[in-house]
Each structure stands twice: as structure tokens, then as C-alpha cells.
Amino acid sequence: MIDSLWLYRYLSPPLRMSYLQRLTEKKRTDIKQSIKGEAKHVHVVSYCLMPNHFHILIKQVLDKGVSIFMSNLQNSYTRYFNTQQKRIGPIFLGKFKAVLIESEEQLLHTSRYIHLNPFSASIVKNIHELRSYSRSSLQEYIANKQYLCNIKILFDLIGSPKKHWQFISSQADYQRKLAQNKHLSIE
């Protein structure tokens, strides 16, 4: 799925995801290098893949970029997954939900929520295991190494990888408690 996020952010992907997956690692790397500077529908700011859903924070670059990107991503990944698993039908429930980010503060908090999701859902046992959760963009930020995400967007607001980690970890326990209490109700 991460390769699909990477590929379909581009305005004109050179090939479909199913073809990209069949190539050798060397050929995939060559293709990725060849389109690195090409126009994009969106910039990916952060993401997290969970067992039954995913979160992605994206910045629209072109008009209707979010809708086109999400359509390409969901349709392509569904075809790829169904072919691999020899199944039919949708794998995503309904349309994607989009929320307009209206401030830099909201951008930071949304990214933190996304990065803390595996911890909040108790997929990782402690906050330090979150640093090695491979299905999240957090590793790009910790290592200060851009692959899929445009890490400059958040670093321009928060500074260094160390400050970013401090910002995320400072609310980890609180976010986990909120997630655990989400289903409680007063009777």
C-alpha cells in the first residue's frame, strides 16, 4: 500500500502498481528516480496503515488533486489486492472521509494523531515501539529522510526530528486514554 501512496500522488504515473510490483528492486528504484521531480496531485504529509483502515494527511497541489489521488489509490490497490488474494469486491468501506485543515496548529495535531494511532490502538505496546512501526511515516520524520512524505512541511513548523518526536510523545498517553474510553458511555 505504501508503494501505491508513493506512485499515485504523481500526475502521470509511468505504469500501474501491478506492473511496478513485478519489476526487480533495481528497476523499481530506477523508475522511482526517473519520476522524482514530476508534477504531483498531492504532497503526502503523513500516513499510517492500520490493520483495518488507514489515515493519510495530504496537501492538495492541483485542483481536484485529493479526489483524483484517492480514486486512483483505492481503485488500483483494490485491483492489486484482489488479484493477489484471488478475491472480488471492495476492500474499503464507502467513500473516503476528508477534513479540511484550516490552520498550522490543526496540521500538527492531525499529523500527531495519525502517528500515534498504532499506540492508541495498542498495536504497539509502548511509545518506543512506535518508532519502529514500519507502516507509518513516523520513521521518515525520525530519520529526517524523505521517501514518500514531504517532511519539510512539518519541519518548517516544528523544527528538528528531535522536537517532532517530543511533540508526538508528549500526548501519547492522553491519546491512548481517549481511544480506550471512546466506547464508554454514561447511562
Protein backbone atom coordinates (compact mmCIF):
# COMPACT_ATOMS: atom_id res chain seq x y z
CA MET A 1 0.00 0.00 0.00
CA ILE A 2 2.88 2.37 0.74
CA ASP A 3 4.15 1.98 -2.82
CA SER A 4 0.64 2.81 -4.05
CA LEU A 5 0.66 6.00 -1.97
CA TRP A 6 4.01 6.86 -3.48
CA LEU A 7 3.01 6.12 -7.10
CA TYR A 8 -0.45 7.65 -7.33
CA ARG A 9 0.47 11.03 -5.90
CA TYR A 10 2.06 11.72 -9.31
CA LEU A 11 0.05 13.39 -12.05
CA SER A 12 1.16 10.86 -14.66
CA PRO A 13 2.39 7.59 -13.13
CA PRO A 14 4.53 5.80 -15.74
CA LEU A 15 2.88 2.43 -15.08
CA ARG A 16 0.27 0.72 -12.94
CA MET A 17 1.05 -0.52 -9.47
CA SER A 18 0.61 -4.16 -10.51
CA TYR A 19 3.38 -3.73 -13.11
CA LEU A 20 5.65 -1.88 -10.71
CA GLN A 21 5.35 -4.71 -8.17
CA ARG A 22 6.51 -7.28 -10.74
CA LEU A 23 9.76 -5.46 -11.51
CA THR A 24 13.08 -6.17 -9.87
CA GLU A 25 14.09 -3.92 -7.00
CA LYS A 26 16.69 -2.27 -9.25
CA LYS A 27 14.13 -1.45 -11.96
CA ARG A 28 11.66 -0.11 -9.36
CA THR A 29 14.38 2.11 -7.94
CA ASP A 30 15.29 3.36 -11.44
CA ILE A 31 11.65 4.23 -12.18
CA LYS A 32 11.27 5.98 -8.84
CA GLN A 33 14.38 8.05 -9.52
CA SER A 34 13.25 8.92 -13.05
CA ILE A 35 9.94 10.48 -11.93
CA LYS A 36 11.11 12.05 -8.67
CA GLY A 37 10.70 15.64 -9.89
CA GLU A 38 7.46 15.12 -11.84
CA ALA A 39 4.24 17.01 -11.08
CA LYS A 40 2.04 15.65 -8.30
CA HIS A 41 -1.66 15.75 -7.44
CA VAL A 42 -0.82 15.93 -3.74
CA HIS A 43 2.02 16.08 -1.25
CA VAL A 44 1.82 13.36 1.39
CA VAL A 45 2.44 14.90 4.81
CA SER A 46 1.91 11.82 7.00
CA TYR A 47 0.25 8.43 6.90
CA CYS A 48 -0.38 5.35 8.99
CA LEU A 49 -1.64 1.99 7.80
CA MET A 50 -3.66 0.11 10.39
CA PRO A 51 -4.98 -3.47 10.20
CA ASN A 52 -8.46 -2.40 9.07
CA HIS A 53 -8.10 1.22 7.91
CA PHE A 54 -5.57 3.89 7.10
CA HIS A 55 -5.01 7.56 7.78
CA ILE A 56 -3.33 9.88 5.34
CA LEU A 57 -2.67 13.60 5.62
CA ILE A 58 -2.18 15.15 2.21
CA LYS A 59 -1.78 18.64 0.81
CA GLN A 60 -3.54 19.27 -2.48
CA VAL A 61 -1.23 20.61 -5.18
CA LEU A 62 -3.56 20.59 -8.20
CA ASP A 63 -7.28 21.30 -8.48
CA LYS A 64 -9.24 18.14 -7.54
CA GLY A 65 -5.92 16.51 -6.65
CA VAL A 66 -7.22 14.89 -3.46
CA SER A 67 -10.19 13.28 -5.19
CA ILE A 68 -8.13 12.05 -8.14
CA PHE A 69 -5.38 10.73 -5.87
CA MET A 70 -7.80 8.90 -3.57
CA SER A 71 -9.73 7.42 -6.50
CA ASN A 72 -6.53 6.19 -8.18
CA LEU A 73 -5.17 4.86 -4.89
CA GLN A 74 -8.29 2.99 -3.82
CA ASN A 75 -9.15 1.58 -7.24
CA SER A 76 -5.61 0.48 -8.03
CA TYR A 77 -4.94 -1.01 -4.63
CA THR A 78 -8.26 -2.86 -4.66
CA ARG A 79 -7.48 -4.39 -8.08
CA TYR A 80 -3.96 -5.31 -6.95
CA PHE A 81 -5.12 -6.79 -3.62
CA ASN A 82 -7.99 -8.73 -5.19
CA THR A 83 -5.67 -10.21 -7.82
CA GLN A 84 -3.09 -11.19 -5.20
CA GLN A 85 -5.70 -12.71 -2.86
CA LYS A 86 -7.86 -14.23 -5.65
CA ARG A 87 -10.96 -12.44 -4.44
CA ILE A 88 -13.50 -9.93 -5.75
CA GLY A 89 -15.29 -6.93 -4.33
CA PRO A 90 -14.35 -3.78 -2.47
CA ILE A 91 -11.79 -3.77 0.32
CA PHE A 92 -12.58 -0.25 1.51
CA LEU A 93 -15.91 0.60 3.07
CA GLY A 94 -17.62 3.55 1.43
CA LYS A 95 -16.09 6.82 0.33
CA PHE A 96 -13.06 8.29 1.96
CA LYS A 97 -13.61 10.96 4.60
CA ALA A 98 -11.87 14.26 4.11
CA VAL A 99 -11.37 17.09 6.58
CA LEU A 100 -10.05 20.48 5.50
CA ILE A 101 -7.05 21.54 7.58
CA GLU A 102 -7.54 25.21 8.35
CA SER A 103 -4.51 26.10 10.47
CA GLU A 104 -0.90 25.14 11.09
CA GLU A 105 -1.89 24.03 14.60
CA GLN A 106 -4.54 21.70 13.20
CA LEU A 107 -1.99 20.33 10.73
CA LEU A 108 0.46 19.50 13.53
CA HIS A 109 -2.18 17.92 15.77
CA THR A 110 -3.64 15.87 12.91
CA SER A 111 -0.22 14.53 11.99
CA ARG A 112 0.44 13.67 15.64
CA TYR A 113 -2.91 11.85 15.85
CA ILE A 114 -2.00 9.85 12.74
CA HIS A 115 1.46 8.93 14.02
CA LEU A 116 0.11 7.92 17.44
CA ASN A 117 -2.64 5.70 16.01
CA PRO A 118 -0.79 2.36 16.42
CA PHE A 119 -0.03 3.27 20.05
CA SER A 120 -3.59 4.44 20.76
CA ALA A 121 -4.96 1.19 19.33
CA SER A 122 -2.44 -0.85 21.37
CA ILE A 123 -0.87 -2.33 18.24
CA VAL A 124 2.47 -1.35 19.71
CA LYS A 125 2.95 -1.92 23.44
CA ASN A 126 4.83 1.23 24.32
CA ILE A 127 5.68 4.57 22.83
CA HIS A 128 9.22 3.50 21.93
CA GLU A 129 7.95 0.64 19.74
CA LEU A 130 6.11 3.27 17.74
CA ARG A 131 9.46 4.47 16.40
CA SER A 132 9.89 1.18 14.53
CA TYR A 133 6.29 0.73 13.32
CA SER A 134 7.00 0.21 9.62
CA ARG A 135 3.56 1.11 8.28
CA SER A 136 3.77 4.75 9.27
CA SER A 137 5.56 7.84 8.05
CA LEU A 138 6.96 8.48 11.53
CA GLN A 139 10.23 6.76 10.57
CA GLU A 140 10.79 9.31 7.80
CA TYR A 141 10.49 12.12 10.34
CA ILE A 142 12.66 10.46 12.99
CA ALA A 143 15.42 9.70 10.46
CA ASN A 144 14.96 13.05 8.68
CA LYS A 145 14.92 11.05 5.44
CA GLN A 146 12.28 11.80 2.85
CA TYR A 147 10.83 8.91 0.86
CA LEU A 148 7.10 9.33 0.45
CA CYS A 149 6.31 12.32 2.63
CA ASN A 150 7.18 15.94 2.10
CA ILE A 151 8.73 16.19 5.57
CA LYS A 152 9.65 19.84 5.02
CA ILE A 153 6.01 20.84 5.56
CA LEU A 154 6.04 19.76 9.22
CA PHE A 155 9.70 20.52 9.91
CA ASP A 156 9.14 24.12 8.79
CA LEU A 157 6.61 24.35 11.64
CA ILE A 158 8.18 22.24 14.35
CA GLY A 159 11.89 22.12 13.65
CA SER A 160 14.08 19.10 14.10
CA PRO A 161 13.34 15.36 14.24
CA LYS A 162 14.01 15.52 18.00
CA LYS A 163 11.41 18.28 18.51
CA HIS A 164 8.97 16.39 16.32
CA TRP A 165 9.36 13.24 18.44
CA GLN A 166 8.93 15.28 21.64
CA PHE A 167 5.75 16.83 20.24
CA ILE A 168 4.33 13.41 19.36
CA SER A 169 5.33 11.55 22.51
CA SER A 170 4.14 14.34 24.84
CA GLN A 171 0.49 13.44 24.15
CA ALA A 172 0.80 9.68 23.66
CA ASP A 173 -0.68 8.54 26.98
CA TYR A 174 -3.51 11.07 26.75
CA GLN A 175 -4.43 9.97 23.22
CA ARG A 176 -4.35 6.31 24.23
CA LYS A 177 -6.69 7.00 27.17
CA LEU A 178 -9.08 8.84 24.87
CA ALA A 179 -9.10 5.89 22.49
CA GLN A 180 -9.69 3.42 25.32
CA ASN A 181 -12.56 5.49 26.74
CA LYS A 182 -14.13 6.23 23.36
CA HIS A 183 -16.68 3.45 23.66
CA LEU A 184 -17.72 4.18 27.23
CA SER A 185 -20.98 5.96 27.79
CA ILE A 186 -22.85 7.30 30.78
CA GLU A 187 -26.11 5.52 31.44
